[in-house]
C-alpha atoms as a PDB file:
ATOM      1  CA  MET A   1     -22.774  -3.834   3.331  1.00  0.00           C
ATOM      2  CA  LEU A   2     -20.957  -2.908   0.111  1.00  0.00           C
ATOM      3  CA  ASN A   3     -18.333  -5.420  -1.003  1.00  0.00           C
ATOM      4  CA  VAL A   4     -15.394  -3.818  -2.784  1.00  0.00           C
ATOM      5  CA  ALA A   5     -12.312  -5.068  -4.589  1.00  0.00           C
ATOM      6  CA  ILE A   6      -9.025  -3.238  -5.028  1.00  0.00           C
ATOM      7  CA  VAL A   7      -7.225  -4.198  -8.214  1.00  0.00           C
ATOM      8  CA  GLY A   8      -3.561  -3.311  -7.838  1.00  0.00           C
ATOM      9  CA  ALA A   9      -3.563  -3.315  -4.051  1.00  0.00           C
ATOM     10  CA  SER A  10       0.177  -3.528  -3.417  1.00  0.00           C
ATOM     11  CA  GLY A  11       0.955   0.071  -4.374  1.00  0.00           C
ATOM     12  CA  TYR A  12       0.708   3.158  -2.216  1.00  0.00           C
ATOM     13  CA  THR A  13      -2.773   4.091  -3.456  1.00  0.00           C
ATOM     14  CA  GLY A  14      -3.932   0.523  -2.813  1.00  0.00           C
ATOM     15  CA  LEU A  15      -2.624   0.666   0.748  1.00  0.00           C
ATOM     16  CA  GLU A  16      -4.274   4.044   1.302  1.00  0.00           C
ATOM     17  CA  LEU A  17      -7.595   2.679   0.024  1.00  0.00           C
ATOM     18  CA  ILE A  18      -7.386  -0.211   2.491  1.00  0.00           C
ATOM     19  CA  ARG A  19      -6.474   2.144   5.341  1.00  0.00           C
ATOM     20  CA  ILE A  20      -9.415   4.457   4.647  1.00  0.00           C
ATOM     21  CA  LEU A  21     -11.956   1.720   3.915  1.00  0.00           C
ATOM     22  CA  ASN A  22     -10.967  -0.085   7.103  1.00  0.00           C
ATOM     23  CA  GLY A  23     -12.738   2.715   8.939  1.00  0.00           C
ATOM     24  CA  HIS A  24     -15.794   2.834   6.679  1.00  0.00           C
ATOM     25  CA  PRO A  25     -18.844   1.395   8.478  1.00  0.00           C
ATOM     26  CA  ASP A  26     -20.679   0.340   5.312  1.00  0.00           C
ATOM     27  CA  VAL A  27     -17.870  -1.266   3.309  1.00  0.00           C
ATOM     28  CA  ALA A  28     -16.102  -4.641   3.361  1.00  0.00           C
ATOM     29  CA  VAL A  29     -12.923  -5.155   1.342  1.00  0.00           C
ATOM     30  CA  THR A  30     -13.410  -8.639  -0.091  1.00  0.00           C
ATOM     31  CA  CYS A  31     -10.780  -8.972  -2.825  1.00  0.00           C
ATOM     32  CA  LEU A  32      -7.262  -7.657  -3.405  1.00  0.00           C
ATOM     33  CA  THR A  33      -5.112  -8.305  -6.467  1.00  0.00           C
ATOM     34  CA  SER A  34      -1.422  -7.920  -7.219  1.00  0.00           C
ATOM     35  CA  GLU A  35       0.481  -9.540 -10.054  1.00  0.00           C
ATOM     36  CA  GLN A  36       3.861  -9.185  -8.362  1.00  0.00           C
ATOM     37  CA  SER A  37       2.757 -10.294  -4.890  1.00  0.00           C
ATOM     38  CA  ALA A  38      -0.028 -12.804  -5.587  1.00  0.00           C
ATOM     39  CA  GLY A  39      -0.116 -15.562  -3.012  1.00  0.00           C
ATOM     40  CA  LYS A  40       1.119 -13.332  -0.196  1.00  0.00           C
ATOM     41  CA  LEU A  41      -0.925 -11.706   2.531  1.00  0.00           C
ATOM     42  CA  ILE A  42      -1.407  -7.978   2.111  1.00  0.00           C
ATOM     43  CA  SER A  43      -0.306  -7.608   5.748  1.00  0.00           C
ATOM     44  CA  ASP A  44       3.024  -9.221   4.844  1.00  0.00           C
ATOM     45  CA  ILE A  45       3.507  -6.559   2.167  1.00  0.00           C
ATOM     46  CA  PHE A  46       2.318  -3.754   4.448  1.00  0.00           C
ATOM     47  CA  PRO A  47       2.829  -4.761   8.109  1.00  0.00           C
ATOM     48  CA  THR A  48       0.814  -1.741   9.265  1.00  0.00           C
ATOM     49  CA  LEU A  49      -2.283  -3.764   8.262  1.00  0.00           C
ATOM     50  CA  ARG A  50      -1.576  -6.734  10.567  1.00  0.00           C
ATOM     51  CA  GLY A  51      -4.698  -7.850  12.342  1.00  0.00           C
ATOM     52  CA  ARG A  52      -6.871  -5.363  10.460  1.00  0.00           C
ATOM     53  CA  CYS A  53      -6.632  -6.647   6.895  1.00  0.00           C
ATOM     54  CA  ASP A  54      -4.956  -9.994   6.260  1.00  0.00           C
ATOM     55  CA  LEU A  55      -6.444 -10.865   2.884  1.00  0.00           C
ATOM     56  CA  LEU A  56      -4.534 -12.985   0.411  1.00  0.00           C
ATOM     57  CA  LEU A  57      -3.422 -11.141  -2.711  1.00  0.00           C
ATOM     58  CA  GLU A  58      -4.729 -12.777  -5.902  1.00  0.00           C
ATOM     59  CA  HIS A  59      -3.834 -12.705  -9.564  1.00  0.00           C
ATOM     60  CA  LEU A  60      -6.133 -10.457 -11.553  1.00  0.00           C
ATOM     61  CA  GLU A  61      -8.909 -12.566 -13.053  1.00  0.00           C
ATOM     62  CA  PRO A  62     -11.698 -10.074 -13.869  1.00  0.00           C
ATOM     63  CA  VAL A  63     -14.611 -12.517 -13.677  1.00  0.00           C
ATOM     64  CA  ARG A  64     -13.416 -13.905 -10.349  1.00  0.00           C
ATOM     65  CA  VAL A  65     -12.898 -10.402  -8.954  1.00  0.00           C
ATOM     66  CA  ALA A  66     -16.367  -9.351 -10.108  1.00  0.00           C
ATOM     67  CA  GLU A  67     -17.915 -12.326  -8.327  1.00  0.00           C
ATOM     68  CA  LYS A  68     -16.554 -11.024  -5.023  1.00  0.00           C
ATOM     69  CA  ALA A  69     -17.367  -7.325  -5.287  1.00  0.00           C
ATOM     70  CA  ASP A  70     -20.149  -4.847  -5.983  1.00  0.00           C
ATOM     71  CA  LEU A  71     -17.754  -1.998  -6.726  1.00  0.00           C
ATOM     72  CA  ILE A  72     -14.170  -2.164  -7.956  1.00  0.00           C
ATOM     73  CA  PHE A  73     -11.292   0.266  -7.481  1.00  0.00           C
ATOM     74  CA  THR A  74      -8.674  -0.093 -10.193  1.00  0.00           C
ATOM     75  CA  ALA A  75      -5.365   1.177  -8.843  1.00  0.00           C
ATOM     76  CA  LEU A  76      -3.321   0.129 -11.845  1.00  0.00           C
ATOM     77  CA  PRO A  77      -0.859   1.907 -14.145  1.00  0.00           C
ATOM     78  CA  HIS A  78      -2.210   3.485 -17.312  1.00  0.00           C
ATOM     79  CA  LYS A  79      -2.992   0.961 -20.079  1.00  0.00           C
ATOM     80  CA  ALA A  80      -3.316  -1.870 -17.549  1.00  0.00           C
ATOM     81  CA  ALA A  81      -6.556  -0.316 -16.301  1.00  0.00           C
ATOM     82  CA  MET A  82      -8.213  -0.033 -19.708  1.00  0.00           C
ATOM     83  CA  GLU A  83      -7.447  -3.687 -20.354  1.00  0.00           C
ATOM     84  CA  VAL A  84      -9.849  -4.757 -17.577  1.00  0.00           C
ATOM     85  CA  VAL A  85     -12.293  -1.903 -16.891  1.00  0.00           C
ATOM     86  CA  PRO A  86     -14.618  -2.725 -19.854  1.00  0.00           C
ATOM     87  CA  THR A  87     -14.973  -6.294 -18.575  1.00  0.00           C
ATOM     88  CA  PHE A  88     -15.990  -5.085 -15.122  1.00  0.00           C
ATOM     89  CA  LEU A  89     -18.555  -2.733 -16.673  1.00  0.00           C
ATOM     90  CA  LYS A  90     -19.997  -5.518 -18.838  1.00  0.00           C
ATOM     91  CA  LEU A  91     -20.379  -7.625 -15.698  1.00  0.00           C
ATOM     92  CA  GLY A  92     -22.510  -4.873 -14.208  1.00  0.00           C
ATOM     93  CA  LYS A  93     -19.952  -3.547 -11.735  1.00  0.00           C
ATOM     94  CA  ARG A  94     -19.343   0.065 -10.827  1.00  0.00           C
ATOM     95  CA  VAL A  95     -15.723   1.098 -11.263  1.00  0.00           C
ATOM     96  CA  ILE A  96     -13.600   3.884  -9.837  1.00  0.00           C
ATOM     97  CA  ASP A  97     -10.388   4.040 -11.824  1.00  0.00           C
ATOM     98  CA  LEU A  98      -7.346   5.720 -10.286  1.00  0.00           C
ATOM     99  CA  SER A  99      -5.234   5.562 -13.454  1.00  0.00           C
ATOM    100  CA  ALA A 100      -5.119   8.146 -16.227  1.00  0.00           C
ATOM    101  CA  ASP A 101      -6.938   5.922 -18.718  1.00  0.00           C
ATOM    102  CA  TYR A 102     -10.372   7.546 -18.518  1.00  0.00           C
ATOM    103  CA  ARG A 103      -9.582  11.108 -17.458  1.00  0.00           C
ATOM    104  CA  LEU A 104      -9.129  12.529 -20.948  1.00  0.00           C
ATOM    105  CA  ALA A 105     -12.390  12.722 -22.883  1.00  0.00           C
ATOM    106  CA  ASP A 106     -10.747  12.830 -26.316  1.00  0.00           C
ATOM    107  CA  PRO A 107      -9.018   9.555 -27.278  1.00  0.00           C
ATOM    108  CA  ALA A 108      -6.788  11.484 -29.685  1.00  0.00           C
ATOM    109  CA  VAL A 109      -5.470  13.602 -26.817  1.00  0.00           C
ATOM    110  CA  TYR A 110      -4.904  10.466 -24.762  1.00  0.00           C
ATOM    111  CA  GLY A 111      -2.998   8.952 -27.670  1.00  0.00           C
ATOM    112  CA  GLU A 112      -0.833  12.053 -27.979  1.00  0.00           C
ATOM    113  CA  TRP A 113       0.222  12.015 -24.329  1.00  0.00           C
ATOM    114  CA  TYR A 114       0.166   8.281 -23.587  1.00  0.00           C
ATOM    115  CA  GLU A 115      -0.534   5.748 -26.356  1.00  0.00           C
ATOM    116  CA  PRO A 116      -3.498   4.684 -28.518  1.00  0.00           C
ATOM    117  CA  HIS A 117      -6.561   4.080 -26.359  1.00  0.00           C
ATOM    118  CA  LEU A 118      -7.778   0.473 -26.359  1.00  0.00           C
ATOM    119  CA  ASN A 119     -11.478   1.245 -25.831  1.00  0.00           C
ATOM    120  CA  PRO A 120     -12.292   4.853 -26.775  1.00  0.00           C
ATOM    121  CA  ALA A 121     -16.041   4.168 -26.687  1.00  0.00           C
ATOM    122  CA  THR A 122     -15.756   3.573 -22.948  1.00  0.00           C
ATOM    123  CA  LEU A 123     -14.470   7.124 -22.493  1.00  0.00           C
ATOM    124  CA  LYS A 124     -17.997   8.377 -23.170  1.00  0.00           C
ATOM    125  CA  LYS A 125     -19.213   6.496 -20.099  1.00  0.00           C
ATOM    126  CA  ALA A 126     -16.583   7.930 -17.774  1.00  0.00           C
ATOM    127  CA  VAL A 127     -17.234  10.862 -15.456  1.00  0.00           C
ATOM    128  CA  TYR A 128     -14.314  12.948 -14.253  1.00  0.00           C
ATOM    129  CA  GLY A 129     -14.414  12.412 -10.507  1.00  0.00           C
ATOM    130  CA  LEU A 130     -13.785  15.804  -8.927  1.00  0.00           C
ATOM    131  CA  PRO A 131     -16.767  16.038  -6.549  1.00  0.00           C
ATOM    132  CA  GLU A 132     -16.596  19.795  -6.038  1.00  0.00           C
ATOM    133  CA  VAL A 133     -17.056  20.243  -9.797  1.00  0.00           C
ATOM    134  CA  ARG A 134     -18.917  17.147 -11.056  1.00  0.00           C
ATOM    135  CA  ARG A 135     -20.955  15.899  -8.086  1.00  0.00           C
ATOM    136  CA  SER A 136     -24.307  15.479  -9.877  1.00  0.00           C
ATOM    137  CA  ALA A 137     -22.737  13.564 -12.780  1.00  0.00           C
ATOM    138  CA  ILE A 138     -20.713  11.381 -10.400  1.00  0.00           C
ATOM    139  CA  ARG A 139     -23.911  10.397  -8.599  1.00  0.00           C
ATOM    140  CA  ARG A 140     -25.196   8.714 -11.790  1.00  0.00           C
ATOM    141  CA  ALA A 141     -21.892   7.267 -12.991  1.00  0.00           C
ATOM    142  CA  LYS A 142     -20.959   3.641 -13.539  1.00  0.00           C
ATOM    143  CA  LEU A 143     -17.339   4.562 -14.295  1.00  0.00           C
ATOM    144  CA  VAL A 144     -15.563   7.349 -12.425  1.00  0.00           C
ATOM    145  CA  ALA A 145     -12.173   8.579 -13.593  1.00  0.00           C
ATOM    146  CA  ASN A 146     -10.471   9.621 -10.369  1.00  0.00           C
ATOM    147  CA  PRO A 147      -8.489  12.831 -10.964  1.00  0.00           C
ATOM    148  CA  GLY A 148      -4.739  13.089 -10.842  1.00  0.00           C
ATOM    149  CA  CYS A 149      -3.091  14.591  -7.773  1.00  0.00           C
ATOM    150  CA  TYR A 150      -1.571  17.681  -9.390  1.00  0.00           C
ATOM    151  CA  PRO A 151      -4.782  18.453 -11.323  1.00  0.00           C
ATOM    152  CA  THR A 152      -6.862  18.187  -8.142  1.00  0.00           C
ATOM    153  CA  SER A 153      -4.814  20.839  -6.371  1.00  0.00           C
ATOM    154  CA  ILE A 154      -4.761  23.166  -9.381  1.00  0.00           C
ATOM    155  CA  ILE A 155      -8.375  22.807 -10.526  1.00  0.00           C
ATOM    156  CA  LEU A 156      -9.751  23.386  -7.032  1.00  0.00           C
ATOM    157  CA  GLY A 157      -7.427  26.348  -6.714  1.00  0.00           C
ATOM    158  CA  LEU A 158      -8.645  28.032  -9.906  1.00  0.00           C
ATOM    159  CA  ALA A 159     -12.317  26.999 -10.171  1.00  0.00           C
ATOM    160  CA  PRO A 160     -13.868  30.076  -8.469  1.00  0.00           C
ATOM    161  CA  LEU A 161     -11.865  32.517 -10.588  1.00  0.00           C
ATOM    162  CA  LEU A 162     -12.606  30.747 -13.869  1.00  0.00           C
ATOM    163  CA  LYS A 163     -16.306  30.308 -13.140  1.00  0.00           C
ATOM    164  CA  LYS A 164     -16.578  34.067 -12.581  1.00  0.00           C
ATOM    165  CA  GLY A 165     -14.338  34.953 -15.530  1.00  0.00           C
ATOM    166  CA  LEU A 166     -12.068  37.064 -13.343  1.00  0.00           C
ATOM    167  CA  ILE A 167      -8.653  36.133 -14.763  1.00  0.00           C
ATOM    168  CA  ASP A 168      -6.892  36.285 -18.099  1.00  0.00           C
ATOM    169  CA  THR A 169      -6.908  32.680 -19.337  1.00  0.00           C
ATOM    170  CA  VAL A 170      -3.601  33.044 -21.219  1.00  0.00           C
ATOM    171  CA  SER A 171      -1.654  34.037 -18.118  1.00  0.00           C
ATOM    172  CA  ILE A 172      -1.981  30.972 -15.873  1.00  0.00           C
ATOM    173  CA  ILE A 173       1.183  29.500 -14.352  1.00  0.00           C
ATOM    174  CA  ALA A 174       1.153  26.597 -11.888  1.00  0.00           C
ATOM    175  CA  ASP A 175       4.230  25.514  -9.947  1.00  0.00           C
ATOM    176  CA  SER A 176       3.552  22.364  -7.941  1.00  0.00           C
ATOM    177  CA  ALA A 177       5.765  20.448  -5.530  1.00  0.00           C
ATOM    178  CA  SER A 178       5.074  16.814  -4.585  1.00  0.00           C
ATOM    179  CA  GLY A 179       6.346  14.228  -2.161  1.00  0.00           C
ATOM    180  CA  VAL A 180       8.078  11.122  -3.500  1.00  0.00           C
ATOM    181  CA  THR A 181       5.063   8.791  -3.135  1.00  0.00           C
ATOM    182  CA  GLY A 182       3.627  10.565  -6.177  1.00  0.00           C
ATOM    183  CA  ALA A 183       6.080   8.528  -8.247  1.00  0.00           C
ATOM    184  CA  GLY A 184       4.567   5.244  -7.049  1.00  0.00           C
ATOM    185  CA  ARG A 185       6.114   2.277  -5.260  1.00  0.00           C
ATOM    186  CA  ALA A 186       8.000   0.700  -8.151  1.00  0.00           C
ATOM    187  CA  ALA A 187      11.787   0.754  -7.842  1.00  0.00           C
ATOM    188  CA  LYS A 188      13.230   3.684  -9.809  1.00  0.00           C
ATOM    189  CA  VAL A 189      16.680   5.207  -9.599  1.00  0.00           C
ATOM    190  CA  GLU A 190      15.293   8.734  -9.424  1.00  0.00           C
ATOM    191  CA  SER A 191      13.214   7.793  -6.370  1.00  0.00           C
ATOM    192  CA  LEU A 192      16.032   6.239  -4.352  1.00  0.00           C
ATOM    193  CA  TYR A 193      16.810   7.848  -0.997  1.00  0.00           C
ATOM    194  CA  CYS A 194      20.248   9.099  -2.050  1.00  0.00           C
ATOM    195  CA  GLU A 195      18.812  10.538  -5.263  1.00  0.00           C
ATOM    196  CA  VAL A 196      16.040  12.450  -3.481  1.00  0.00           C
ATOM    197  CA  ASN A 197      17.281  13.341  -0.009  1.00  0.00           C
ATOM    198  CA  GLU A 198      18.633  16.871   0.474  1.00  0.00           C
ATOM    199  CA  GLY A 199      17.483  17.870  -3.004  1.00  0.00           C
ATOM    200  CA  PHE A 200      14.687  19.854  -4.611  1.00  0.00           C
ATOM    201  CA  LYS A 201      14.241  19.603  -8.348  1.00  0.00           C
ATOM    202  CA  ALA A 202      11.858  20.275 -11.202  1.00  0.00           C
ATOM    203  CA  TYR A 203      10.909  17.552 -13.664  1.00  0.00           C
ATOM    204  CA  GLY A 204       8.562  17.258 -16.624  1.00  0.00           C
ATOM    205  CA  ALA A 205       9.258  20.928 -17.338  1.00  0.00           C
ATOM    206  CA  GLY A 206       8.490  22.678 -20.609  1.00  0.00           C
ATOM    207  CA  GLY A 207       4.897  21.497 -20.942  1.00  0.00           C
ATOM    208  CA  VAL A 208       5.626  17.767 -21.187  1.00  0.00           C
ATOM    209  CA  HIS A 209       4.182  16.391 -17.937  1.00  0.00           C
ATOM    210  CA  ARG A 210       1.259  14.018 -18.605  1.00  0.00           C
ATOM    211  CA  HIS A 211      -1.053  15.808 -16.180  1.00  0.00           C
ATOM    212  CA  THR A 212      -0.951  18.909 -18.401  1.00  0.00           C
ATOM    213  CA  PRO A 213      -3.797  17.924 -20.781  1.00  0.00           C
ATOM    214  CA  GLU A 214      -5.955  16.843 -17.842  1.00  0.00           C
ATOM    215  CA  ILE A 215      -5.456  20.210 -16.155  1.00  0.00           C
ATOM    216  CA  GLU A 216      -6.177  22.085 -19.371  1.00  0.00           C
ATOM    217  CA  GLN A 217      -9.252  19.988 -20.189  1.00  0.00           C
ATOM    218  CA  GLU A 218     -10.937  20.705 -16.863  1.00  0.00           C
ATOM    219  CA  LEU A 219      -9.897  24.338 -16.606  1.00  0.00           C
ATOM    220  CA  SER A 220     -11.173  24.952 -20.149  1.00  0.00           C
ATOM    221  CA  LEU A 221     -14.569  23.512 -19.220  1.00  0.00           C
ATOM    222  CA  LEU A 222     -14.726  25.775 -16.168  1.00  0.00           C
ATOM    223  CA  ALA A 223     -13.709  28.827 -18.176  1.00  0.00           C
ATOM    224  CA  GLY A 224     -15.982  28.069 -21.130  1.00  0.00           C
ATOM    225  CA  THR A 225     -13.076  28.543 -23.508  1.00  0.00           C
ATOM    226  CA  GLU A 226     -10.017  26.523 -24.476  1.00  0.00           C
ATOM    227  CA  LEU A 227      -6.964  27.512 -22.503  1.00  0.00           C
ATOM    228  CA  LYS A 228      -3.406  26.425 -21.872  1.00  0.00           C
ATOM    229  CA  VAL A 229      -1.322  26.584 -18.729  1.00  0.00           C
ATOM    230  CA  THR A 230       2.360  26.655 -17.920  1.00  0.00           C
ATOM    231  CA  PHE A 231       2.725  23.766 -15.473  1.00  0.00           C
ATOM    232  CA  THR A 232       5.976  22.799 -13.794  1.00  0.00           C
ATOM    233  CA  PRO A 233       6.058  19.983 -11.207  1.00  0.00           C
ATOM    234  CA  HIS A 234       8.806  19.621  -8.613  1.00  0.00           C
ATOM    235  CA  LEU A 235       9.968  16.769  -6.405  1.00  0.00           C
ATOM    236  CA  VAL A 236      10.390  17.424  -2.669  1.00  0.00           C
ATOM    237  CA  PRO A 237      12.302  15.091  -0.312  1.00  0.00           C
ATOM    238  CA  MET A 238       9.235  14.186   1.766  1.00  0.00           C
ATOM    239  CA  ASP A 239       6.899  11.186   1.699  1.00  0.00           C
ATOM    240  CA  ARG A 240       3.603  12.787   0.742  1.00  0.00           C
ATOM    241  CA  GLY A 241       1.836  16.033   0.023  1.00  0.00           C
ATOM    242  CA  ILE A 242       1.431  18.559  -2.779  1.00  0.00           C
ATOM    243  CA  LEU A 243       1.672  22.331  -2.614  1.00  0.00           C
ATOM    244  CA  SER A 244       0.638  24.195  -5.752  1.00  0.00           C
ATOM    245  CA  THR A 245       1.369  27.882  -6.233  1.00  0.00           C
ATOM    246  CA  ILE A 246      -0.749  29.287  -9.057  1.00  0.00           C
ATOM    247  CA  TYR A 247      -0.322  32.695 -10.693  1.00  0.00           C
ATOM    248  CA  ALA A 248      -2.736  34.580 -12.943  1.00  0.00           C
ATOM    249  CA  SER A 249      -3.442  38.117 -14.129  1.00  0.00           C
ATOM    250  CA  PRO A 250      -6.860  39.511 -13.138  1.00  0.00           C
ATOM    251  CA  LYS A 251      -9.089  41.223 -15.680  1.00  0.00           C
ATOM    252  CA  LYS A 252      -9.796  43.967 -13.151  1.00  0.00           C
ATOM    253  CA  ALA A 253      -8.205  45.089  -9.918  1.00  0.00           C
ATOM    254  CA  LEU A 254      -8.891  42.673  -7.057  1.00  0.00           C
ATOM    255  CA  THR A 255      -8.060  42.585  -3.365  1.00  0.00           C
ATOM    256  CA  THR A 256      -7.214  39.671  -1.116  1.00  0.00           C
ATOM    257  CA  ALA A 257     -10.365  40.318   0.923  1.00  0.00           C
ATOM    258  CA  THR A 258     -12.499  40.128  -2.238  1.00  0.00           C
ATOM    259  CA  LEU A 259     -10.861  36.852  -3.250  1.00  0.00           C
ATOM    260  CA  VAL A 260     -11.272  35.267   0.162  1.00  0.00           C
ATOM    261  CA  LYS A 261     -14.978  36.133   0.168  1.00  0.00           C
ATOM    262  CA  LEU A 262     -15.384  34.741  -3.362  1.00  0.00           C
ATOM    263  CA  TYR A 263     -13.691  31.467  -2.412  1.00  0.00           C
ATOM    264  CA  GLN A 264     -15.630  31.123   0.821  1.00  0.00           C
ATOM    265  CA  GLU A 265     -18.904  31.566  -1.044  1.00  0.00           C
ATOM    266  CA  HIS A 266     -17.908  29.242  -3.889  1.00  0.00           C
ATOM    267  CA  TYR A 267     -16.902  26.412  -1.549  1.00  0.00           C
ATOM    268  CA  ALA A 268     -19.565  26.989   1.095  1.00  0.00           C
ATOM    269  CA  GLY A 269     -20.814  23.602   2.248  1.00  0.00           C
ATOM    270  CA  GLU A 270     -17.933  21.673   0.680  1.00  0.00           C
ATOM    271  CA  PRO A 271     -16.747  19.306   3.427  1.00  0.00           C
ATOM    272  CA  PHE A 272     -13.173  18.936   2.226  1.00  0.00           C
ATOM    273  CA  VAL A 273     -12.181  22.402   1.021  1.00  0.00           C
ATOM    274  CA  ARG A 274     -10.912  24.852   3.633  1.00  0.00           C
ATOM    275  CA  ILE A 275     -10.361  28.483   2.643  1.00  0.00           C
ATOM    276  CA  LEU A 276      -7.635  30.190   4.628  1.00  0.00           C
ATOM    277  CA  ALA A 277      -7.670  33.891   5.453  1.00  0.00           C
ATOM    278  CA  ASN A 278      -5.920  36.507   7.574  1.00  0.00           C
ATOM    279  CA  GLY A 279      -2.473  35.786   6.193  1.00  0.00           C
ATOM    280  CA  CYS A 280      -2.637  32.048   6.902  1.00  0.00           C
ATOM    281  CA  LEU A 281      -0.948  30.011   4.168  1.00  0.00           C
ATOM    282  CA  PRO A 282      -1.388  26.295   3.363  1.00  0.00           C
ATOM    283  CA  SER A 283       1.158  23.683   4.348  1.00  0.00           C
ATOM    284  CA  THR A 284       1.295  20.030   3.384  1.00  0.00           C
ATOM    285  CA  ALA A 285       1.956  19.334   7.056  1.00  0.00           C
ATOM    286  CA  PHE A 286      -1.589  20.328   7.969  1.00  0.00           C
ATOM    287  CA  VAL A 287      -3.383  18.126   5.402  1.00  0.00           C
ATOM    288  CA  ARG A 288      -1.136  15.058   5.735  1.00  0.00           C
ATOM    289  CA  GLY A 289      -3.255  11.918   5.967  1.00  0.00           C
ATOM    290  CA  SER A 290      -6.511  13.835   5.447  1.00  0.00           C
ATOM    291  CA  ASN A 291      -8.908  14.404   2.561  1.00  0.00           C
ATOM    292  CA  PHE A 292      -8.745  18.182   2.909  1.00  0.00           C
ATOM    293  CA  CYS A 293      -7.646  20.714   0.330  1.00  0.00           C
ATOM    294  CA  ASP A 294      -6.461  23.940   1.990  1.00  0.00           C
ATOM    295  CA  ILE A 295      -6.571  26.996  -0.269  1.00  0.00           C
ATOM    296  CA  ALA A 296      -5.306  30.527   0.314  1.00  0.00           C
ATOM    297  CA  PRO A 297      -6.261  33.098  -2.355  1.00  0.00           C
ATOM    298  CA  LEU A 298      -4.421  36.412  -2.291  1.00  0.00           C
ATOM    299  CA  VAL A 299      -3.361  39.361  -4.383  1.00  0.00           C
ATOM    300  CA  ASP A 300       0.173  40.677  -4.711  1.00  0.00           C
ATOM    301  CA  SER A 301      -0.561  44.333  -3.927  1.00  0.00           C
ATOM    302  CA  ARG A 302       2.597  45.473  -5.702  1.00  0.00           C
ATOM    303  CA  THR A 303       1.944  43.790  -9.062  1.00  0.00           C
ATOM    304  CA  GLY A 304      -1.809  43.184  -8.828  1.00  0.00           C
ATOM    305  CA  ARG A 305      -1.248  39.564  -9.739  1.00  0.00           C
ATOM    306  CA  VAL A 306      -3.477  36.866  -8.242  1.00  0.00           C
ATOM    307  CA  ILE A 307      -1.711  34.101  -6.309  1.00  0.00           C
ATOM    308  CA  ILE A 308      -3.502  30.934  -5.214  1.00  0.00           C
ATOM    309  CA  LEU A 309      -1.841  28.435  -2.875  1.00  0.00           C
ATOM    310  CA  SER A 310      -3.372  24.960  -2.618  1.00  0.00           C
ATOM    311  CA  ALA A 311      -2.253  22.044  -0.436  1.00  0.00           C
ATOM    312  CA  ILE A 312      -3.401  18.416  -0.450  1.00  0.00           C
ATOM    313  CA  ASP A 313      -2.135  14.990   0.530  1.00  0.00           C
ATOM    314  CA  ASN A 314      -1.364  13.425  -2.851  1.00  0.00           C
ATOM    315  CA  LEU A 315      -2.351   9.949  -1.620  1.00  0.00           C
ATOM    316  CA  VAL A 316      -5.643  11.023  -0.045  1.00  0.00           C
ATOM    317  CA  LYS A 317      -7.455  13.951  -1.687  1.00  0.00           C
ATOM    318  CA  GLY A 318      -5.056  13.442  -4.602  1.00  0.00           C
ATOM    319  CA  ALA A 319      -5.937   9.756  -5.005  1.00  0.00           C
ATOM    320  CA  SER A 320      -7.483   7.235  -2.602  1.00  0.00           C
ATOM    321  CA  GLY A 321      -9.437   9.589  -0.353  1.00  0.00           C
ATOM    322  CA  GLN A 322     -11.042  11.217  -3.342  1.00  0.00           C
ATOM    323  CA  ALA A 323     -11.817   7.756  -4.721  1.00  0.00           C
ATOM    324  CA  VAL A 324     -13.665   6.887  -1.501  1.00  0.00           C
ATOM    325  CA  GLN A 325     -15.426  10.263  -1.646  1.00  0.00           C
ATOM    326  CA  ASN A 326     -16.605   9.326  -5.149  1.00  0.00           C
ATOM    327  CA  MET A 327     -17.687   5.885  -3.926  1.00  0.00           C
ATOM    328  CA  ASN A 328     -19.777   7.510  -1.199  1.00  0.00           C
ATOM    329  CA  ILE A 329     -21.471   9.740  -3.751  1.00  0.00           C
ATOM    330  CA  ILE A 330     -22.368   7.033  -6.274  1.00  0.00           C
ATOM    331  CA  CYS A 331     -23.483   4.607  -3.551  1.00  0.00           C
ATOM    332  CA  GLY A 332     -25.623   7.130  -1.692  1.00  0.00           C
ATOM    333  CA  TYR A 333     -23.610   7.243   1.534  1.00  0.00           C
ATOM    334  CA  PRO A 334     -22.933  10.533   3.322  1.00  0.00           C
ATOM    335  CA  GLU A 335     -20.027  11.987   1.393  1.00  0.00           C
ATOM    336  CA  THR A 336     -17.736  12.270   4.404  1.00  0.00           C
ATOM    337  CA  THR A 337     -18.177   8.680   5.615  1.00  0.00           C
ATOM    338  CA  GLY A 338     -14.804   7.124   6.394  1.00  0.00           C
ATOM    339  CA  LEU A 339     -13.056  10.396   5.602  1.00  0.00           C
ATOM    340  CA  GLU A 340     -13.703  12.428   8.737  1.00  0.00           C
ATOM    341  CA  GLY A 341     -10.156  12.121  10.075  1.00  0.00           C
ATOM    342  CA  LEU A 342      -7.999  15.187  10.588  1.00  0.00           C
ATOM    343  CA  GLY A 343      -4.476  15.491   9.304  1.00  0.00           C
ATOM    344  CA  LEU A 344      -1.543  13.849  11.099  1.00  0.00           C
ATOM    345  CA  PHE A 345       0.636  16.449  12.826  1.00  0.00           C
ATOM    346  CA  PRO A 346       3.431  16.550  13.681  1.00  0.00           C
END
């Protein structure tokens, strides 16, 4: 039995980790931390856990946490994660970090978009945790940087085209819409019900959203050349889910049938990527609560432009589900263990 700790368990990603791991036959959650809610039962914070996980939330003391766990999920905000991850690594623990602190390989880029990195040497030990792209490296990793939710939907959507060199790398546009849980559980005016309900808005427009360098880093590696994207996120008045619509210009004429075949071949054997065909388009409703990414590749026959639609649950494949998928890989469990559930509909 693998003992795991969740550092930062009182947020939405922490709750989702507990929910998923509760159904994992080879894992026991043995330690939960929360600075704001220490001393309370996790089931008092999230009543849905009553009778299934009633652990006491603790203050974060890295040595004490490490004594209780073989593997540690850090579900903390950026900066807070890099303050404790090196200690866990020195204590011989494997870490899956759900913050942005270890996703960007270049500390200078991290500093440009966030703040100066506290332990840039640790970045060299981190593996970007997108299994469909980095599975072999993840298998050997001690520190996995779990991808962001928007990047997951966009990278999976574009990987087959970039690997084959089929699109113009200066033409990529990604419009992504996310549910409100993507903003986290902390109280913010812009996330209040009256601020969000009955509205649909863009934010972080003009190339300033912090997921932009992560998207560009991974797409550049796939393409074999440095590229930039126009990325605009939007907020949708729903709890969870991301739908990304990605546009690109092909280097040669393509058809929808050709694209569907390419995507089916590229993702053959991938347990959590479903390629849609025959005019079927992704919906967040059909991946809600699941670890699936539904992708529909098509060509606008009038303009010749390639359009890729990609849907995920931002809290599952976009965060905690993918983290458990990474845990399964590095611990040698079947990759789908604990993640076999279908989406919740309606």
